[in-house]
């Protein structure tokens, strides 16, 4: 049985009170999650014992920081079953990640009239960068709608994926509805249309097993 009190005890901030006599309950983890003690202690240990630039020095602190940095990359790669740790790129958040793709790949690969397919349940991280790119380069944005149950309406998907579609970018798990989208089906549909697929897995990785090679 899930021991909620034991889990709460792992998070120092949850020992605070929302108001006098009222326990703190935090429900905004879809935006920014609170950190358990083990994470806080690891960050504290880093700043106390090895803080230095990575890949920039041959002294002990820099080498320790570099080893920890690359060790984290290897752990992430194993966690999501990436074929090569070098394919894991650290960014500050999903917004930075999508902007990185939009302004590197997007600016070089997309032409006026090309289409990007999104869904109507996307977080701004996977929406605003494409809106800005569309305004800049004349790219057309199209959207998969969702129904009254908060699930994607895929009845018109074949009509939305055309020869002009260069990218289908969608969330695996909605940060608003909690909807679990059929990732494999959507990726296969994009590839069948000759488009690339990109998955916003920010909400999925903490909740379920993620295998990027599946």
N, C-alpha and C. Protein backbone atom coordinates (compact mmCIF):
# COMPACT_ATOMS: atom_id res chain seq x y z
N UNK A 1 0.84 -1.19 0.00
CA UNK A 1 0.00 0.00 0.00
C UNK A 1 0.88 1.25 0.00
N UNK A 2 0.48 2.24 -0.77
CA UNK A 2 1.26 3.47 -0.87
C UNK A 2 1.27 4.21 0.46
N UNK A 3 2.47 4.46 0.97
CA UNK A 3 2.63 5.17 2.24
C UNK A 3 2.80 6.66 1.95
N UNK A 4 1.70 7.37 1.91
CA UNK A 4 1.72 8.79 1.53
C UNK A 4 2.54 9.61 2.51
N UNK A 5 2.41 9.32 3.79
CA UNK A 5 3.13 10.10 4.80
C UNK A 5 4.64 9.90 4.66
N UNK A 6 5.06 8.69 4.32
CA UNK A 6 6.49 8.46 4.11
C UNK A 6 6.99 9.23 2.90
N UNK A 7 6.19 9.26 1.85
CA UNK A 7 6.57 10.02 0.66
C UNK A 7 6.64 11.51 0.98
N UNK A 8 5.65 12.02 1.70
CA UNK A 8 5.66 13.44 2.08
C UNK A 8 6.89 13.77 2.90
N UNK A 9 7.32 12.84 3.73
CA UNK A 9 8.48 13.08 4.59
C UNK A 9 9.76 13.25 3.79
N UNK A 10 9.79 12.75 2.54
CA UNK A 10 10.96 12.89 1.68
C UNK A 10 11.11 14.31 1.15
N UNK A 11 10.07 15.13 1.27
CA UNK A 11 10.07 16.48 0.70
C UNK A 11 10.04 17.51 1.83
N UNK A 12 11.19 18.14 2.12
CA UNK A 12 11.24 19.10 3.23
C UNK A 12 10.20 20.20 3.12
N UNK A 13 9.92 20.67 1.91
CA UNK A 13 9.00 21.79 1.77
C UNK A 13 7.59 21.42 2.22
N UNK A 14 7.25 20.13 2.17
CA UNK A 14 5.91 19.71 2.57
C UNK A 14 5.75 19.63 4.08
N UNK A 15 6.83 19.93 4.79
CA UNK A 15 6.73 20.05 6.24
C UNK A 15 6.28 21.46 6.63
N UNK A 16 6.26 22.35 5.64
CA UNK A 16 5.76 23.71 5.88
C UNK A 16 4.24 23.69 5.97
N UNK A 17 3.69 24.78 6.49
CA UNK A 17 2.23 24.92 6.55
C UNK A 17 1.77 25.94 5.53
N UNK A 18 0.67 25.63 4.84
CA UNK A 18 0.10 26.60 3.91
C UNK A 18 -0.38 27.84 4.66
N UNK A 19 -1.02 27.59 5.77
CA UNK A 19 -1.48 28.62 6.71
C UNK A 19 -1.32 28.01 8.09
N UNK A 20 -1.34 28.80 9.14
CA UNK A 20 -1.20 28.24 10.48
C UNK A 20 -2.17 27.09 10.73
N UNK A 21 -1.60 25.93 11.00
CA UNK A 21 -2.41 24.76 11.29
C UNK A 21 -2.92 24.01 10.08
N UNK A 22 -2.56 24.47 8.87
CA UNK A 22 -3.04 23.83 7.63
C UNK A 22 -1.84 23.25 6.88
N UNK A 23 -1.76 21.92 6.74
CA UNK A 23 -0.62 21.30 6.03
C UNK A 23 -0.53 21.80 4.59
N UNK A 24 0.69 21.92 4.11
CA UNK A 24 0.90 22.36 2.73
C UNK A 24 0.64 21.21 1.77
N UNK A 25 -0.18 21.46 0.76
CA UNK A 25 -0.42 20.51 -0.32
C UNK A 25 -0.04 21.21 -1.62
N UNK A 26 0.82 20.59 -2.41
CA UNK A 26 1.31 21.20 -3.65
C UNK A 26 0.78 20.44 -4.85
N UNK A 27 0.02 21.11 -5.71
CA UNK A 27 -0.62 20.45 -6.85
C UNK A 27 -0.16 21.01 -8.19
N UNK A 28 0.96 21.72 -8.21
CA UNK A 28 1.42 22.36 -9.44
C UNK A 28 2.67 21.69 -9.99
N UNK A 29 2.82 20.39 -9.74
CA UNK A 29 4.02 19.69 -10.20
C UNK A 29 4.12 19.60 -11.72
N UNK A 30 2.99 19.76 -12.42
CA UNK A 30 3.04 19.75 -13.88
C UNK A 30 3.82 20.95 -14.40
N UNK A 31 3.95 22.00 -13.58
CA UNK A 31 4.71 23.18 -13.99
C UNK A 31 6.13 23.12 -13.43
N UNK A 32 6.25 22.86 -12.14
CA UNK A 32 7.57 22.78 -11.51
C UNK A 32 7.45 21.92 -10.26
N UNK A 33 8.16 20.82 -10.23
CA UNK A 33 8.00 19.88 -9.12
C UNK A 33 8.91 20.24 -7.95
N UNK A 34 8.46 19.92 -6.76
CA UNK A 34 9.28 20.10 -5.57
C UNK A 34 10.36 19.02 -5.52
N UNK A 35 11.42 19.30 -4.78
CA UNK A 35 12.57 18.40 -4.77
C UNK A 35 12.63 17.60 -3.47
N UNK A 36 12.84 16.27 -3.56
CA UNK A 36 13.01 15.46 -2.37
C UNK A 36 14.37 15.73 -1.73
N UNK A 37 14.51 15.30 -0.49
CA UNK A 37 15.73 15.57 0.26
C UNK A 37 16.97 15.04 -0.44
N UNK A 38 16.87 13.86 -1.07
CA UNK A 38 18.04 13.28 -1.71
C UNK A 38 18.57 14.17 -2.83
N UNK A 39 17.68 14.87 -3.54
CA UNK A 39 18.10 15.79 -4.60
C UNK A 39 18.74 17.03 -4.00
N UNK A 40 18.11 17.57 -2.97
CA UNK A 40 18.65 18.75 -2.30
C UNK A 40 20.04 18.47 -1.74
N UNK A 41 20.21 17.29 -1.14
CA UNK A 41 21.51 16.93 -0.57
C UNK A 41 22.55 16.74 -1.66
N UNK A 42 22.16 16.17 -2.80
CA UNK A 42 23.11 15.98 -3.90
C UNK A 42 23.57 17.32 -4.46
N UNK A 43 22.64 18.26 -4.60
CA UNK A 43 23.00 19.59 -5.08
C UNK A 43 23.89 20.31 -4.08
N UNK A 44 23.57 20.16 -2.80
CA UNK A 44 24.38 20.76 -1.75
C UNK A 44 25.79 20.19 -1.76
N UNK A 45 25.90 18.87 -1.91
CA UNK A 45 27.21 18.23 -1.93
C UNK A 45 28.03 18.70 -3.13
N UNK A 46 27.37 18.89 -4.26
CA UNK A 46 28.09 19.38 -5.44
C UNK A 46 28.70 20.75 -5.17
N UNK A 47 27.90 21.67 -4.65
CA UNK A 47 28.40 23.02 -4.41
C UNK A 47 29.44 23.05 -3.29
N UNK A 48 29.39 22.09 -2.37
CA UNK A 48 30.35 22.06 -1.28
C UNK A 48 31.65 21.38 -1.65
N UNK A 49 31.61 20.44 -2.61
CA UNK A 49 32.79 19.59 -2.81
C UNK A 49 33.39 19.59 -4.20
N UNK A 50 32.67 20.00 -5.25
CA UNK A 50 33.25 19.85 -6.59
C UNK A 50 32.83 20.92 -7.58
N UNK A 51 32.26 22.02 -7.16
CA UNK A 51 31.78 23.01 -8.12
C UNK A 51 32.94 23.58 -8.94
N UNK A 52 32.87 23.40 -10.26
CA UNK A 52 33.86 23.93 -11.19
C UNK A 52 33.31 23.75 -12.60
N UNK A 53 33.94 24.42 -13.58
CA UNK A 53 33.53 24.25 -14.96
C UNK A 53 33.81 22.82 -15.42
N UNK A 54 32.88 22.26 -16.19
CA UNK A 54 33.09 20.92 -16.72
C UNK A 54 33.80 21.01 -18.07
N UNK A 55 34.63 20.01 -18.36
CA UNK A 55 35.37 19.93 -19.63
C UNK A 55 36.25 21.16 -19.85
N UNK A 56 36.70 21.79 -18.77
CA UNK A 56 37.48 23.01 -18.94
C UNK A 56 38.77 23.02 -18.13
N UNK A 57 39.04 21.98 -17.36
CA UNK A 57 40.24 22.02 -16.52
C UNK A 57 40.80 20.64 -16.27
N UNK A 58 42.07 20.59 -15.84
CA UNK A 58 42.71 19.32 -15.53
C UNK A 58 43.01 19.22 -14.04
N UNK A 59 42.42 20.11 -13.25
CA UNK A 59 42.57 20.03 -11.80
C UNK A 59 41.42 19.20 -11.23
N UNK A 60 41.57 18.77 -9.98
CA UNK A 60 40.67 17.77 -9.41
C UNK A 60 39.22 18.20 -9.41
N UNK A 61 38.91 19.44 -9.01
CA UNK A 61 37.52 19.87 -8.94
C UNK A 61 36.85 19.79 -10.31
N UNK A 62 37.56 20.27 -11.34
CA UNK A 62 36.99 20.24 -12.68
C UNK A 62 36.81 18.80 -13.17
N UNK A 63 37.77 17.94 -12.88
CA UNK A 63 37.65 16.55 -13.30
C UNK A 63 36.52 15.85 -12.56
N UNK A 64 36.36 16.14 -11.26
CA UNK A 64 35.26 15.55 -10.50
C UNK A 64 33.92 16.02 -11.05
N UNK A 65 33.82 17.32 -11.33
CA UNK A 65 32.56 17.87 -11.87
C UNK A 65 32.26 17.27 -13.24
N UNK A 66 33.30 17.13 -14.07
CA UNK A 66 33.11 16.55 -15.40
C UNK A 66 32.65 15.10 -15.31
N UNK A 67 33.26 14.34 -14.42
CA UNK A 67 32.86 12.94 -14.26
C UNK A 67 31.42 12.83 -13.78
N UNK A 68 31.04 13.71 -12.86
CA UNK A 68 29.66 13.70 -12.36
C UNK A 68 28.68 14.09 -13.46
N UNK A 69 29.06 15.09 -14.25
CA UNK A 69 28.22 15.58 -15.35
C UNK A 69 28.00 14.49 -16.39
N UNK A 70 29.07 13.86 -16.81
CA UNK A 70 28.96 12.81 -17.82
C UNK A 70 28.32 11.54 -17.23
N UNK A 71 28.53 11.32 -15.94
CA UNK A 71 27.87 10.20 -15.29
C UNK A 71 26.36 10.38 -15.28
N UNK A 72 25.93 11.62 -15.07
CA UNK A 72 24.49 11.91 -15.11
C UNK A 72 23.93 11.68 -16.51
N UNK A 73 24.70 12.04 -17.52
CA UNK A 73 24.26 11.82 -18.90
C UNK A 73 24.08 10.32 -19.17
N UNK A 74 25.00 9.51 -18.68
CA UNK A 74 24.90 8.06 -18.87
C UNK A 74 23.69 7.49 -18.13
N UNK A 75 23.41 8.00 -16.95
CA UNK A 75 22.25 7.52 -16.19
C UNK A 75 20.95 7.87 -16.90
N UNK A 76 20.87 9.09 -17.44
CA UNK A 76 19.67 9.49 -18.18
C UNK A 76 19.50 8.61 -19.42
N UNK A 77 20.60 8.38 -20.12
CA UNK A 77 20.54 7.53 -21.33
C UNK A 77 20.02 6.14 -20.98
N UNK A 78 20.51 5.57 -19.89
CA UNK A 78 20.06 4.24 -19.48
C UNK A 78 18.59 4.28 -19.06
N UNK A 79 18.19 5.36 -18.41
CA UNK A 79 16.82 5.48 -17.90
C UNK A 79 15.79 5.50 -19.02
N UNK A 80 16.13 6.13 -20.15
CA UNK A 80 15.19 6.22 -21.27
C UNK A 80 15.59 5.29 -22.42
N UNK A 81 16.62 4.47 -22.19
CA UNK A 81 17.12 3.52 -23.19
C UNK A 81 17.58 4.22 -24.47
N UNK A 82 18.29 5.32 -24.31
CA UNK A 82 18.89 5.98 -25.47
C UNK A 82 20.03 5.12 -25.99
N UNK A 83 20.20 5.01 -27.31
CA UNK A 83 21.25 4.15 -27.86
C UNK A 83 22.66 4.63 -27.55
N UNK A 84 22.82 5.93 -27.29
CA UNK A 84 24.15 6.49 -27.06
C UNK A 84 24.01 7.68 -26.11
N UNK A 85 24.76 7.72 -25.01
CA UNK A 85 24.68 8.86 -24.09
C UNK A 85 24.95 10.19 -24.78
N UNK A 86 25.74 10.18 -25.86
CA UNK A 86 26.03 11.42 -26.58
C UNK A 86 24.78 12.03 -27.20
N UNK A 87 23.71 11.24 -27.32
CA UNK A 87 22.46 11.76 -27.87
C UNK A 87 21.62 12.48 -26.82
N UNK A 88 22.05 12.43 -25.56
CA UNK A 88 21.33 13.12 -24.48
C UNK A 88 21.89 14.53 -24.36
N UNK A 89 21.03 15.51 -24.58
CA UNK A 89 21.42 16.92 -24.51
C UNK A 89 20.69 17.57 -23.35
N UNK A 90 21.44 18.16 -22.44
CA UNK A 90 20.83 18.79 -21.28
C UNK A 90 20.34 20.20 -21.62
N UNK A 91 19.11 20.50 -21.28
CA UNK A 91 18.55 21.85 -21.39
C UNK A 91 17.90 22.18 -20.06
N UNK A 92 17.58 23.46 -19.86
CA UNK A 92 17.02 23.86 -18.57
C UNK A 92 15.58 23.41 -18.39
N UNK A 93 14.85 23.32 -19.50
CA UNK A 93 13.44 22.94 -19.41
C UNK A 93 12.94 22.63 -20.82
N UNK A 94 11.68 22.20 -20.90
CA UNK A 94 11.11 21.85 -22.21
C UNK A 94 11.05 23.05 -23.14
N UNK A 95 10.77 24.22 -22.59
CA UNK A 95 10.69 25.42 -23.43
C UNK A 95 12.01 25.68 -24.14
N UNK A 96 13.11 25.57 -23.42
CA UNK A 96 14.42 25.77 -24.05
C UNK A 96 14.68 24.68 -25.10
N UNK A 97 14.27 23.46 -24.80
CA UNK A 97 14.48 22.37 -25.73
C UNK A 97 13.76 22.58 -27.05
N UNK A 98 12.49 22.97 -26.98
CA UNK A 98 11.72 23.19 -28.20
C UNK A 98 12.23 24.41 -28.97
N UNK A 99 12.63 25.45 -28.26
CA UNK A 99 13.21 26.60 -28.94
C UNK A 99 14.50 26.22 -29.65
N UNK A 100 15.28 25.35 -29.03
CA UNK A 100 16.53 24.91 -29.64
C UNK A 100 16.26 24.22 -30.97
N UNK A 101 15.25 23.35 -31.00
CA UNK A 101 14.90 22.65 -32.24
C UNK A 101 14.32 23.63 -33.26
N UNK A 102 13.43 24.50 -32.81
CA UNK A 102 12.77 25.43 -33.72
C UNK A 102 13.76 26.37 -34.41
N UNK A 103 14.75 26.85 -33.65
CA UNK A 103 15.64 27.86 -34.21
C UNK A 103 16.93 27.28 -34.77
N UNK A 104 17.13 25.99 -34.66
CA UNK A 104 18.26 25.36 -35.35
C UNK A 104 17.73 24.57 -36.54
N UNK A 105 17.06 23.47 -36.27
CA UNK A 105 16.49 22.67 -37.36
C UNK A 105 15.43 23.45 -38.13
N UNK A 106 14.52 24.11 -37.43
CA UNK A 106 13.41 24.78 -38.09
C UNK A 106 13.85 25.85 -39.08
N UNK A 107 14.79 26.68 -38.67
CA UNK A 107 15.24 27.76 -39.55
C UNK A 107 15.99 27.25 -40.77
N UNK A 108 16.63 26.11 -40.64
CA UNK A 108 17.42 25.60 -41.76
C UNK A 108 16.63 24.66 -42.67
N UNK A 109 15.60 24.00 -42.12
CA UNK A 109 14.91 22.95 -42.87
C UNK A 109 13.56 23.36 -43.43
N UNK A 110 12.93 24.36 -42.84
CA UNK A 110 11.56 24.70 -43.23
C UNK A 110 11.50 25.86 -44.21
N UNK A 111 10.58 25.74 -45.16
CA UNK A 111 10.36 26.76 -46.17
C UNK A 111 8.93 27.28 -46.07
N UNK A 112 8.65 28.47 -46.63
CA UNK A 112 7.27 28.98 -46.62
C UNK A 112 6.31 27.95 -47.22
N UNK A 113 5.20 27.74 -46.56
CA UNK A 113 4.21 26.77 -47.02
C UNK A 113 4.35 25.39 -46.41
N UNK A 114 5.53 25.10 -45.85
CA UNK A 114 5.68 23.83 -45.12
C UNK A 114 4.75 23.83 -43.92
N UNK A 115 4.37 22.65 -43.47
CA UNK A 115 3.41 22.55 -42.37
C UNK A 115 4.00 21.81 -41.17
N UNK A 116 3.60 22.27 -40.00
CA UNK A 116 3.90 21.60 -38.74
C UNK A 116 2.58 21.23 -38.10
N UNK A 117 2.45 19.99 -37.69
CA UNK A 117 1.22 19.53 -37.04
C UNK A 117 1.46 19.44 -35.54
N UNK A 118 0.58 20.08 -34.79
CA UNK A 118 0.59 20.04 -33.33
C UNK A 118 -0.75 19.49 -32.87
N UNK A 119 -0.99 19.49 -31.56
CA UNK A 119 -2.31 19.18 -31.05
C UNK A 119 -2.82 20.37 -30.26
N UNK A 120 -4.11 20.38 -30.02
CA UNK A 120 -4.71 21.50 -29.28
C UNK A 120 -4.46 21.40 -27.78
N UNK A 121 -3.79 20.35 -27.33
CA UNK A 121 -3.54 20.20 -25.90
C UNK A 121 -2.07 20.45 -25.54
N UNK A 122 -1.34 21.13 -26.44
CA UNK A 122 0.09 21.34 -26.18
C UNK A 122 0.34 22.40 -25.11
N UNK A 123 1.39 22.18 -24.33
CA UNK A 123 1.93 23.18 -23.43
C UNK A 123 2.54 24.30 -24.27
N UNK A 124 2.60 25.50 -23.73
CA UNK A 124 3.18 26.62 -24.48
C UNK A 124 4.60 26.32 -24.96
N UNK A 125 5.32 25.45 -24.24
CA UNK A 125 6.68 25.10 -24.66
C UNK A 125 6.70 24.51 -26.06
N UNK A 126 5.65 23.78 -26.41
CA UNK A 126 5.56 23.14 -27.72
C UNK A 126 4.56 23.85 -28.62
N UNK A 127 4.33 25.10 -28.35
CA UNK A 127 3.40 25.89 -29.16
C UNK A 127 4.00 27.21 -29.58
N UNK A 128 4.42 28.01 -28.61
CA UNK A 128 4.91 29.36 -28.90
C UNK A 128 6.14 29.36 -29.82
N UNK A 129 7.14 28.48 -29.63
CA UNK A 129 8.27 28.49 -30.56
C UNK A 129 7.86 28.28 -32.01
N UNK A 130 6.86 27.42 -32.23
CA UNK A 130 6.39 27.16 -33.59
C UNK A 130 5.56 28.31 -34.12
N UNK A 131 4.79 28.97 -33.26
CA UNK A 131 4.05 30.15 -33.67
C UNK A 131 5.01 31.26 -34.12
N UNK A 132 6.08 31.44 -33.37
CA UNK A 132 7.06 32.47 -33.72
C UNK A 132 7.77 32.11 -35.02
N UNK A 133 8.09 30.82 -35.18
CA UNK A 133 8.75 30.39 -36.42
C UNK A 133 7.81 30.53 -37.61
N UNK A 134 6.53 30.26 -37.40
CA UNK A 134 5.55 30.40 -38.48
C UNK A 134 5.46 31.85 -38.93
N UNK A 135 5.46 32.77 -37.97
CA UNK A 135 5.39 34.19 -38.31
C UNK A 135 6.65 34.64 -39.04
N UNK A 136 7.77 34.04 -38.70
CA UNK A 136 9.05 34.44 -39.28
C UNK A 136 9.27 33.86 -40.67
N UNK A 137 8.84 32.59 -40.88
CA UNK A 137 9.21 31.89 -42.11
C UNK A 137 8.01 31.49 -42.98
N UNK A 138 6.80 31.83 -42.56
CA UNK A 138 5.65 31.49 -43.37
C UNK A 138 5.26 30.03 -43.30
N UNK A 139 5.63 29.38 -42.21
CA UNK A 139 5.25 27.98 -41.99
C UNK A 139 3.80 27.93 -41.54
N UNK A 140 3.07 26.90 -41.95
CA UNK A 140 1.66 26.75 -41.60
C UNK A 140 1.53 25.77 -40.43
N UNK A 141 0.81 26.19 -39.40
CA UNK A 141 0.56 25.32 -38.25
C UNK A 141 -0.83 24.71 -38.36
N UNK A 142 -0.92 23.41 -38.13
CA UNK A 142 -2.20 22.72 -38.10
C UNK A 142 -2.30 21.97 -36.78
N UNK A 143 -3.54 21.66 -36.38
CA UNK A 143 -3.75 21.13 -35.03
C UNK A 143 -4.70 19.94 -35.03
N UNK A 144 -4.34 18.93 -34.25
CA UNK A 144 -5.24 17.81 -33.97
C UNK A 144 -6.13 18.23 -32.81
N UNK A 145 -7.46 18.21 -32.96
CA UNK A 145 -8.35 18.64 -31.88
C UNK A 145 -8.48 17.57 -30.80
N UNK A 146 -9.08 17.95 -29.67
CA UNK A 146 -9.42 16.97 -28.65
C UNK A 146 -10.92 17.00 -28.40
N UNK A 147 -11.43 15.91 -27.84
CA UNK A 147 -12.88 15.78 -27.65
C UNK A 147 -13.31 16.19 -26.24
N UNK A 148 -14.57 15.95 -25.92
CA UNK A 148 -15.11 16.38 -24.63
C UNK A 148 -14.50 15.62 -23.46
N UNK A 149 -13.92 14.45 -23.73
CA UNK A 149 -13.27 13.68 -22.67
C UNK A 149 -11.80 14.05 -22.48
N UNK A 150 -11.33 15.03 -23.26
CA UNK A 150 -9.94 15.44 -23.15
C UNK A 150 -8.98 14.50 -23.87
N UNK A 151 -9.51 13.71 -24.81
CA UNK A 151 -8.68 12.80 -25.61
C UNK A 151 -8.56 13.33 -27.03
N UNK A 152 -7.45 13.03 -27.68
CA UNK A 152 -7.27 13.48 -29.05
C UNK A 152 -8.31 12.85 -29.97
N UNK A 153 -8.88 13.68 -30.83
CA UNK A 153 -9.80 13.19 -31.86
C UNK A 153 -8.96 12.88 -33.10
N UNK A 154 -8.69 11.61 -33.30
CA UNK A 154 -7.80 11.18 -34.38
C UNK A 154 -8.54 10.81 -35.65
N UNK A 155 -9.84 11.09 -35.69
CA UNK A 155 -10.62 10.70 -36.86
C UNK A 155 -10.17 11.42 -38.13
N UNK A 156 -9.62 12.62 -37.99
CA UNK A 156 -9.18 13.36 -39.16
C UNK A 156 -7.67 13.42 -39.31
N UNK A 157 -6.95 12.55 -38.59
CA UNK A 157 -5.49 12.62 -38.59
C UNK A 157 -4.89 12.44 -39.98
N UNK A 158 -5.42 11.50 -40.74
CA UNK A 158 -4.87 11.26 -42.08
C UNK A 158 -4.98 12.49 -42.97
N UNK A 159 -6.03 13.27 -42.77
CA UNK A 159 -6.20 14.48 -43.56
C UNK A 159 -5.30 15.61 -43.11
N UNK A 160 -4.87 15.57 -41.85
CA UNK A 160 -4.00 16.62 -41.32
C UNK A 160 -2.54 16.37 -41.68
N UNK A 161 -2.18 15.11 -41.85
CA UNK A 161 -0.82 14.75 -42.25
C UNK A 161 -0.77 14.68 -43.78
N UNK A 162 -0.08 15.62 -44.39
CA UNK A 162 -0.03 15.70 -45.85
C UNK A 162 1.43 15.69 -46.31
N UNK A 163 1.60 15.78 -47.61
CA UNK A 163 2.95 15.83 -48.17
C UNK A 163 3.69 17.09 -47.73
N UNK A 164 2.95 18.10 -47.28
CA UNK A 164 3.57 19.34 -46.81
C UNK A 164 4.00 19.28 -45.35
N UNK A 165 3.55 18.26 -44.63
CA UNK A 165 3.86 18.15 -43.21
C UNK A 165 5.32 17.74 -43.03
N UNK A 166 6.08 18.59 -42.35
CA UNK A 166 7.49 18.30 -42.11
C UNK A 166 7.74 17.78 -40.70
N UNK A 167 6.83 18.12 -39.78
CA UNK A 167 7.02 17.72 -38.38
C UNK A 167 5.66 17.55 -37.71
N UNK A 168 5.53 16.48 -36.94
CA UNK A 168 4.38 16.30 -36.06
C UNK A 168 4.94 16.29 -34.65
N UNK A 169 4.66 17.35 -33.90
CA UNK A 169 5.18 17.49 -32.54
C UNK A 169 4.03 17.47 -31.56
N UNK A 170 4.08 16.57 -30.60
CA UNK A 170 2.92 16.39 -29.71
C UNK A 170 3.36 15.93 -28.33
N UNK A 171 2.48 16.13 -27.36
CA UNK A 171 2.76 15.72 -25.99
C UNK A 171 2.38 14.26 -25.78
N UNK A 172 3.19 13.56 -24.99
CA UNK A 172 2.87 12.18 -24.63
C UNK A 172 1.80 12.14 -23.55
N UNK A 173 1.88 13.09 -22.62
CA UNK A 173 0.91 13.20 -21.53
C UNK A 173 0.55 14.66 -21.36
N UNK A 174 -0.73 14.98 -21.44
CA UNK A 174 -1.17 16.36 -21.31
C UNK A 174 -0.92 16.88 -19.90
N UNK A 175 -0.33 18.07 -19.80
CA UNK A 175 -0.11 18.66 -18.48
C UNK A 175 -1.39 19.23 -17.90
N UNK A 176 -2.44 19.34 -18.70
CA UNK A 176 -3.72 19.88 -18.22
C UNK A 176 -4.69 18.74 -17.89
N UNK A 177 -4.89 17.83 -18.85
CA UNK A 177 -5.88 16.76 -18.68
C UNK A 177 -5.30 15.49 -18.07
N UNK A 178 -4.00 15.29 -18.20
CA UNK A 178 -3.41 14.02 -17.80
C UNK A 178 -3.64 12.93 -18.82
N UNK A 179 -4.10 13.29 -19.99
CA UNK A 179 -4.38 12.32 -21.06
C UNK A 179 -3.10 11.61 -21.50
N UNK A 180 -3.17 10.28 -21.61
CA UNK A 180 -2.06 9.51 -22.14
C UNK A 180 -2.29 9.33 -23.64
N UNK A 181 -1.50 9.98 -24.44
CA UNK A 181 -1.69 9.90 -25.89
C UNK A 181 -1.01 8.65 -26.47
N UNK A 182 -1.54 8.12 -27.58
CA UNK A 182 -0.98 6.90 -28.20
C UNK A 182 0.28 7.24 -29.00
N UNK A 183 1.39 7.34 -28.30
CA UNK A 183 2.63 7.83 -28.89
C UNK A 183 3.05 7.00 -30.09
N UNK A 184 3.07 5.68 -29.95
CA UNK A 184 3.52 4.82 -31.05
C UNK A 184 2.66 5.04 -32.29
N UNK A 185 1.36 5.12 -32.11
CA UNK A 185 0.45 5.31 -33.24
C UNK A 185 0.71 6.65 -33.92
N UNK A 186 0.94 7.69 -33.13
CA UNK A 186 1.14 9.02 -33.71
C UNK A 186 2.49 9.12 -34.41
N UNK A 187 3.51 8.53 -33.83
CA UNK A 187 4.83 8.53 -34.47
C UNK A 187 4.78 7.77 -35.79
N UNK A 188 4.14 6.61 -35.78
CA UNK A 188 4.02 5.81 -37.01
C UNK A 188 3.26 6.58 -38.09
N UNK A 189 2.22 7.30 -37.69
CA UNK A 189 1.43 8.07 -38.66
C UNK A 189 2.28 9.18 -39.28
N UNK A 190 3.09 9.84 -38.45
CA UNK A 190 3.96 10.90 -38.96
C UNK A 190 4.97 10.33 -39.94
N UNK A 191 5.60 9.23 -39.58
CA UNK A 191 6.61 8.64 -40.45
C UNK A 191 5.99 8.14 -41.76
N UNK A 192 4.78 7.60 -41.68
CA UNK A 192 4.11 7.12 -42.89
C UNK A 192 3.84 8.26 -43.86
N UNK A 193 3.67 9.47 -43.33
CA UNK A 193 3.43 10.64 -44.17
C UNK A 193 4.73 11.31 -44.60
N UNK A 194 5.86 10.76 -44.18
CA UNK A 194 7.15 11.33 -44.55
C UNK A 194 7.59 12.47 -43.66
N UNK A 195 6.96 12.61 -42.50
CA UNK A 195 7.28 13.70 -41.58
C UNK A 195 8.12 13.20 -40.41
N UNK A 196 8.83 14.11 -39.79
CA UNK A 196 9.51 13.80 -38.54
C UNK A 196 8.51 13.85 -37.40
N UNK A 197 8.82 13.15 -36.32
CA UNK A 197 7.97 13.19 -35.13
C UNK A 197 8.81 13.63 -33.94
N UNK A 198 8.24 14.48 -33.11
CA UNK A 198 8.90 14.92 -31.88
C UNK A 198 7.90 14.82 -30.74
N UNK A 199 8.35 14.23 -29.63
CA UNK A 199 7.45 13.96 -28.51
C UNK A 199 7.86 14.80 -27.30
N UNK A 200 6.90 15.53 -26.75
CA UNK A 200 7.09 16.23 -25.49
C UNK A 200 6.80 15.22 -24.37
N UNK A 201 7.87 14.68 -23.79
CA UNK A 201 7.70 13.64 -22.76
C UNK A 201 7.94 14.18 -21.36
N UNK A 202 7.88 15.50 -21.20
CA UNK A 202 8.17 16.10 -19.89
C UNK A 202 7.28 15.54 -18.79
N UNK A 203 6.00 15.32 -19.11
CA UNK A 203 5.07 14.80 -18.10
C UNK A 203 5.09 13.28 -18.04
N UNK A 204 5.64 12.64 -19.06
CA UNK A 204 5.61 11.17 -19.13
C UNK A 204 6.74 10.52 -18.35
N UNK A 205 7.94 11.07 -18.46
CA UNK A 205 9.11 10.43 -17.87
C UNK A 205 8.96 10.16 -16.37
N UNK A 206 8.39 11.08 -15.58
CA UNK A 206 8.27 10.77 -14.14
C UNK A 206 7.18 9.75 -13.82
N UNK A 207 6.29 9.45 -14.77
CA UNK A 207 5.09 8.67 -14.46
C UNK A 207 5.09 7.26 -15.03
N UNK A 208 5.92 7.01 -16.02
CA UNK A 208 5.86 5.71 -16.69
C UNK A 208 7.21 5.39 -17.32
N UNK A 209 7.39 4.13 -17.68
CA UNK A 209 8.61 3.73 -18.35
C UNK A 209 8.65 4.35 -19.74
N UNK A 210 9.78 4.95 -20.09
CA UNK A 210 9.95 5.58 -21.40
C UNK A 210 11.13 4.91 -22.10
N UNK A 211 10.88 4.39 -23.29
CA UNK A 211 11.91 3.74 -24.09
C UNK A 211 11.94 4.44 -25.44
N UNK A 212 12.96 5.26 -25.67
CA UNK A 212 13.00 6.06 -26.89
C UNK A 212 13.30 5.21 -28.12
N UNK A 213 13.66 3.95 -27.93
CA UNK A 213 13.91 3.06 -29.06
C UNK A 213 12.75 2.12 -29.35
N UNK A 214 11.72 2.17 -28.54
CA UNK A 214 10.60 1.24 -28.71
C UNK A 214 9.83 1.55 -29.99
